[in-house]
C-alpha atoms as a PDB file:
ATOM      1  CA  MET A   1     164.913  89.286  88.504  1.00  0.00           C
ATOM      2  CA  ARG A   2     167.116  91.032  85.953  1.00  0.00           C
ATOM      3  CA  LEU A   3     166.935  94.752  85.154  1.00  0.00           C
ATOM      4  CA  THR A   4     166.391  93.940  81.480  1.00  0.00           C
ATOM      5  CA  GLU A   5     163.102  92.262  82.454  1.00  0.00           C
ATOM      6  CA  PHE A   6     161.441  95.486  83.588  1.00  0.00           C
ATOM      7  CA  VAL A   7     163.538  98.575  82.736  1.00  0.00           C
ATOM      8  CA  ASP A   8     162.151 100.381  79.676  1.00  0.00           C
ATOM      9  CA  PHE A   9     165.394 101.234  77.891  1.00  0.00           C
ATOM     10  CA  GLU A  10     163.577 103.500  75.410  1.00  0.00           C
ATOM     11  CA  SER A  11     162.377 105.678  78.314  1.00  0.00           C
ATOM     12  CA  ILE A  12     165.770 106.369  79.902  1.00  0.00           C
ATOM     13  CA  LYS A  13     166.209 110.097  80.508  1.00  0.00           C
ATOM     14  CA  PRO A  14     169.836 111.304  80.790  1.00  0.00           C
ATOM     15  CA  ALA A  15     169.110 114.884  81.986  1.00  0.00           C
ATOM     16  CA  LEU A  16     165.606 115.185  83.421  1.00  0.00           C
ATOM     17  CA  PRO A  17     164.778 118.752  84.520  1.00  0.00           C
ATOM     18  CA  ALA A  18     163.205 118.581  87.995  1.00  0.00           C
ATOM     19  CA  SER A  19     163.958 120.600  91.111  1.00  0.00           C
ATOM     20  CA  ASN A  20     161.675 119.019  93.722  1.00  0.00           C
ATOM     21  CA  LYS A  21     159.744 115.810  94.408  1.00  0.00           C
ATOM     22  CA  ARG A  22     156.372 117.167  93.393  1.00  0.00           C
ATOM     23  CA  GLY A  23     157.677 118.350  90.027  1.00  0.00           C
ATOM     24  CA  LEU A  24     159.630 115.130  89.547  1.00  0.00           C
ATOM     25  CA  PHE A  25     156.601 112.925  90.239  1.00  0.00           C
ATOM     26  CA  HIS A  26     154.442 115.044  87.928  1.00  0.00           C
ATOM     27  CA  LEU A  27     156.980 114.871  85.093  1.00  0.00           C
ATOM     28  CA  LEU A  28     157.632 111.143  85.548  1.00  0.00           C
ATOM     29  CA  GLY A  29     153.875 110.501  85.738  1.00  0.00           C
ATOM     30  CA  GLN A  30     153.370 112.348  82.446  1.00  0.00           C
ATOM     31  CA  LEU A  31     156.209 110.495  80.713  1.00  0.00           C
ATOM     32  CA  ALA A  32     155.115 107.095  82.035  1.00  0.00           C
ATOM     33  CA  ALA A  33     151.497 107.726  81.062  1.00  0.00           C
ATOM     34  CA  GLN A  34     152.516 108.583  77.489  1.00  0.00           C
ATOM     35  CA  ARG A  35     154.586 105.424  77.254  1.00  0.00           C
ATOM     36  CA  LEU A  36     152.043 103.117  78.930  1.00  0.00           C
ATOM     37  CA  GLY A  37     148.767 104.644  77.744  1.00  0.00           C
ATOM     38  CA  LEU A  38     147.551 105.306  81.291  1.00  0.00           C
ATOM     39  CA  ASP A  39     146.203 108.318  83.201  1.00  0.00           C
ATOM     40  CA  PRO A  40     149.101 110.494  84.410  1.00  0.00           C
ATOM     41  CA  ALA A  41     147.110 111.712  87.428  1.00  0.00           C
ATOM     42  CA  VAL A  42     146.615 108.121  88.614  1.00  0.00           C
ATOM     43  CA  ILE A  43     150.330 107.379  88.307  1.00  0.00           C
ATOM     44  CA  THR A  44     151.395 110.576  90.060  1.00  0.00           C
ATOM     45  CA  ALA A  45     148.865 110.065  92.872  1.00  0.00           C
ATOM     46  CA  ALA A  46     149.930 106.456  93.493  1.00  0.00           C
ATOM     47  CA  VAL A  47     153.614 107.356  93.707  1.00  0.00           C
ATOM     48  CA  ALA A  48     152.956 110.423  95.888  1.00  0.00           C
ATOM     49  CA  GLU A  49     150.799 108.311  98.230  1.00  0.00           C
ATOM     50  CA  ARG A  50     153.600 105.766  98.608  1.00  0.00           C
ATOM     51  CA  GLU A  51     156.062 108.579  99.277  1.00  0.00           C
ATOM     52  CA  ARG A  52     153.895 109.841 102.160  1.00  0.00           C
ATOM     53  CA  LEU A  53     154.627 106.535 103.938  1.00  0.00           C
ATOM     54  CA  GLY A  54     158.333 107.365 103.936  1.00  0.00           C
ATOM     55  CA  SER A  55     160.996 108.655 101.612  1.00  0.00           C
ATOM     56  CA  THR A  56     161.978 106.440  98.712  1.00  0.00           C
ATOM     57  CA  GLY A  57     165.342 108.184  98.744  1.00  0.00           C
ATOM     58  CA  PHE A  58     167.513 105.082  98.903  1.00  0.00           C
ATOM     59  CA  GLY A  59     170.793 106.828  99.701  1.00  0.00           C
ATOM     60  CA  ASN A  60     173.976 107.565  97.729  1.00  0.00           C
ATOM     61  CA  GLY A  61     172.067 110.012  95.527  1.00  0.00           C
ATOM     62  CA  VAL A  62     169.483 107.430  94.422  1.00  0.00           C
ATOM     63  CA  ALA A  63     165.696 107.428  94.714  1.00  0.00           C
ATOM     64  CA  ILE A  64     163.323 104.610  93.828  1.00  0.00           C
ATOM     65  CA  PRO A  65     159.838 106.144  93.790  1.00  0.00           C
ATOM     66  CA  HIS A  66     157.326 103.400  93.161  1.00  0.00           C
ATOM     67  CA  GLY A  67     153.642 102.577  93.137  1.00  0.00           C
ATOM     68  CA  LYS A  68     150.980 100.074  92.200  1.00  0.00           C
ATOM     69  CA  ILE A  69     148.894 101.061  89.177  1.00  0.00           C
ATOM     70  CA  GLU A  70     145.560  99.593  88.025  1.00  0.00           C
ATOM     71  CA  GLY A  71     145.595  98.696  84.335  1.00  0.00           C
ATOM     72  CA  LEU A  72     149.316  98.030  84.190  1.00  0.00           C
ATOM     73  CA  ALA A  73     150.104  94.628  82.665  1.00  0.00           C
ATOM     74  CA  ARG A  74     153.583  94.080  84.164  1.00  0.00           C
ATOM     75  CA  VAL A  75     156.317  95.618  86.284  1.00  0.00           C
ATOM     76  CA  TRP A  76     157.782  98.620  84.460  1.00  0.00           C
ATOM     77  CA  CYS A  77     160.632 101.015  85.250  1.00  0.00           C
ATOM     78  CA  MET A  78     161.882 104.307  83.849  1.00  0.00           C
ATOM     79  CA  VAL A  79     165.418 105.414  84.726  1.00  0.00           C
ATOM     80  CA  ALA A  80     166.378 109.081  84.890  1.00  0.00           C
ATOM     81  CA  ARG A  81     169.436 111.061  85.767  1.00  0.00           C
ATOM     82  CA  LEU A  82     168.434 114.502  86.990  1.00  0.00           C
ATOM     83  CA  ALA A  83     169.886 117.565  85.282  1.00  0.00           C
ATOM     84  CA  THR A  84     170.520 119.002  88.759  1.00  0.00           C
ATOM     85  CA  PRO A  85     170.498 116.988  92.008  1.00  0.00           C
ATOM     86  CA  PHE A  86     168.025 118.158  94.664  1.00  0.00           C
ATOM     87  CA  ASP A  87     167.153 117.476  98.288  1.00  0.00           C
ATOM     88  CA  TYR A  88     164.818 114.480  98.168  1.00  0.00           C
ATOM     89  CA  LYS A  89     164.769 113.889 101.948  1.00  0.00           C
ATOM     90  CA  ALA A  90     166.698 110.670 101.348  1.00  0.00           C
ATOM     91  CA  ILE A  91     167.581 108.432 104.279  1.00  0.00           C
ATOM     92  CA  ASP A  92     171.213 109.610 104.210  1.00  0.00           C
ATOM     93  CA  GLY A  93     170.362 113.291 103.644  1.00  0.00           C
ATOM     94  CA  GLN A  94     172.238 113.388 100.323  1.00  0.00           C
ATOM     95  CA  PRO A  95     170.719 115.094  97.253  1.00  0.00           C
ATOM     96  CA  VAL A  96     169.322 112.756  94.604  1.00  0.00           C
ATOM     97  CA  ASP A  97     170.500 112.648  91.004  1.00  0.00           C
ATOM     98  CA  LEU A  98     169.533 109.110  89.911  1.00  0.00           C
ATOM     99  CA  VAL A  99     165.891 107.987  89.854  1.00  0.00           C
ATOM    100  CA  PHE A 100     164.419 104.567  89.183  1.00  0.00           C
ATOM    101  CA  PHE A 101     160.652 105.100  88.710  1.00  0.00           C
ATOM    102  CA  LEU A 102     159.078 101.686  89.312  1.00  0.00           C
ATOM    103  CA  LEU A 103     155.435 100.875  88.580  1.00  0.00           C
ATOM    104  CA  SER A 104     153.684  97.552  89.139  1.00  0.00           C
ATOM    105  CA  PRO A 105     150.213  96.053  88.787  1.00  0.00           C
ATOM    106  CA  PRO A 106     148.372  95.838  92.135  1.00  0.00           C
ATOM    107  CA  ASP A 107     148.555  92.019  92.154  1.00  0.00           C
ATOM    108  CA  ALA A 108     152.291  91.826  91.393  1.00  0.00           C
ATOM    109  CA  GLY A 109     153.461  91.812  95.022  1.00  0.00           C
ATOM    110  CA  ALA A 110     156.303  89.315  94.655  1.00  0.00           C
ATOM    111  CA  GLU A 111     157.427  90.665  91.269  1.00  0.00           C
ATOM    112  CA  HIS A 112     157.341  94.230  92.626  1.00  0.00           C
ATOM    113  CA  LEU A 113     159.590  93.222  95.536  1.00  0.00           C
ATOM    114  CA  LYS A 114     161.946  91.330  93.220  1.00  0.00           C
ATOM    115  CA  ALA A 115     162.247  94.392  90.984  1.00  0.00           C
ATOM    116  CA  LEU A 116     162.937  96.656  93.981  1.00  0.00           C
ATOM    117  CA  ALA A 117     165.580  94.185  95.150  1.00  0.00           C
ATOM    118  CA  ALA A 118     167.209  94.075  91.703  1.00  0.00           C
ATOM    119  CA  VAL A 119     167.436  97.875  91.568  1.00  0.00           C
ATOM    120  CA  SER A 120     168.721  98.028  95.125  1.00  0.00           C
ATOM    121  CA  ARG A 121     171.354  95.377  94.452  1.00  0.00           C
ATOM    122  CA  ALA A 122     172.563  97.175  91.322  1.00  0.00           C
ATOM    123  CA  LEU A 123     172.795 100.531  93.060  1.00  0.00           C
ATOM    124  CA  ARG A 124     174.750  99.305  96.054  1.00  0.00           C
ATOM    125  CA  HIS A 125     177.672  98.706  93.690  1.00  0.00           C
ATOM    126  CA  GLY A 126     179.799 101.893  93.785  1.00  0.00           C
ATOM    127  CA  PRO A 127     181.369 101.483  90.329  1.00  0.00           C
ATOM    128  CA  THR A 128     177.891 101.120  88.789  1.00  0.00           C
ATOM    129  CA  LEU A 129     176.804 104.412  90.359  1.00  0.00           C
ATOM    130  CA  GLU A 130     179.928 106.115  89.017  1.00  0.00           C
ATOM    131  CA  GLN A 131     179.284 104.710  85.540  1.00  0.00           C
ATOM    132  CA  LEU A 132     175.644 105.838  85.595  1.00  0.00           C
ATOM    133  CA  ARG A 133     176.693 109.345  86.625  1.00  0.00           C
ATOM    134  CA  GLY A 134     179.385 109.456  83.947  1.00  0.00           C
ATOM    135  CA  ALA A 135     177.240 108.149  81.091  1.00  0.00           C
ATOM    136  CA  GLY A 136     176.601 110.944  78.612  1.00  0.00           C
ATOM    137  CA  SER A 137     173.582 109.631  76.738  1.00  0.00           C
ATOM    138  CA  ARG A 138     170.538 107.363  76.935  1.00  0.00           C
ATOM    139  CA  ASP A 139     172.466 104.635  75.111  1.00  0.00           C
ATOM    140  CA  ALA A 140     175.407 104.917  77.514  1.00  0.00           C
ATOM    141  CA  LEU A 141     173.072 104.678  80.525  1.00  0.00           C
ATOM    142  CA  ALA A 142     171.381 101.647  78.940  1.00  0.00           C
ATOM    143  CA  ALA A 143     174.756  99.972  78.393  1.00  0.00           C
ATOM    144  CA  VAL A 144     175.647 100.420  82.074  1.00  0.00           C
ATOM    145  CA  LEU A 145     172.318  98.897  83.145  1.00  0.00           C
ATOM    146  CA  MET A 146     172.718  95.954  80.761  1.00  0.00           C
ATOM    147  CA  GLY A 147     176.223  95.466  82.170  1.00  0.00           C
ATOM    148  CA  VAL A 148     174.701  95.083  85.650  1.00  0.00           C
ATOM    149  CA  ASP A 149     172.719  92.066  84.453  1.00  0.00           C
ATOM    150  CA  GLU A 150     175.843  90.586  82.841  1.00  0.00           C
ATOM    151  CA  ARG A 151     177.865  91.152  86.043  1.00  0.00           C
ATOM    152  CA  ASP A 152     175.158  89.595  88.221  1.00  0.00           C
ATOM    153  CA  ALA A 153     174.843  86.588  85.884  1.00  0.00           C
ATOM    154  CA  ALA A 154     178.561  85.834  86.081  1.00  0.00           C
END
């Protein structure tokens, strides 16, 4: 699966103001709900419930909070760079500054896993992380993400 198949490039946030997980999930839930026409409380609760199973802090300053949402038609992802990194309780103990907020319909098990794998694959590439951190705008972040698909297709 390619990032361009599920990342909402219009929803990329280059400097999201959040200082803890609870605030981050609330803010992302609000933004996703506005974009998708869904209940923000449902989104926030689903992601928080998944987080209780174990941290979605992927390592290298990246988190991939995710959840399954009733009423969602397809896999959807919002990308955010945090204005200030914070302790996310990531597996490597590093503060998080890049967030991939992934939502899927309840019956999209295989597609959900493919999307998680695509994000994971992209973010294991050190130069991509550097480019994402150095991008100064939504358009620059989008260009880096589109470049991942081009690199993976080659």
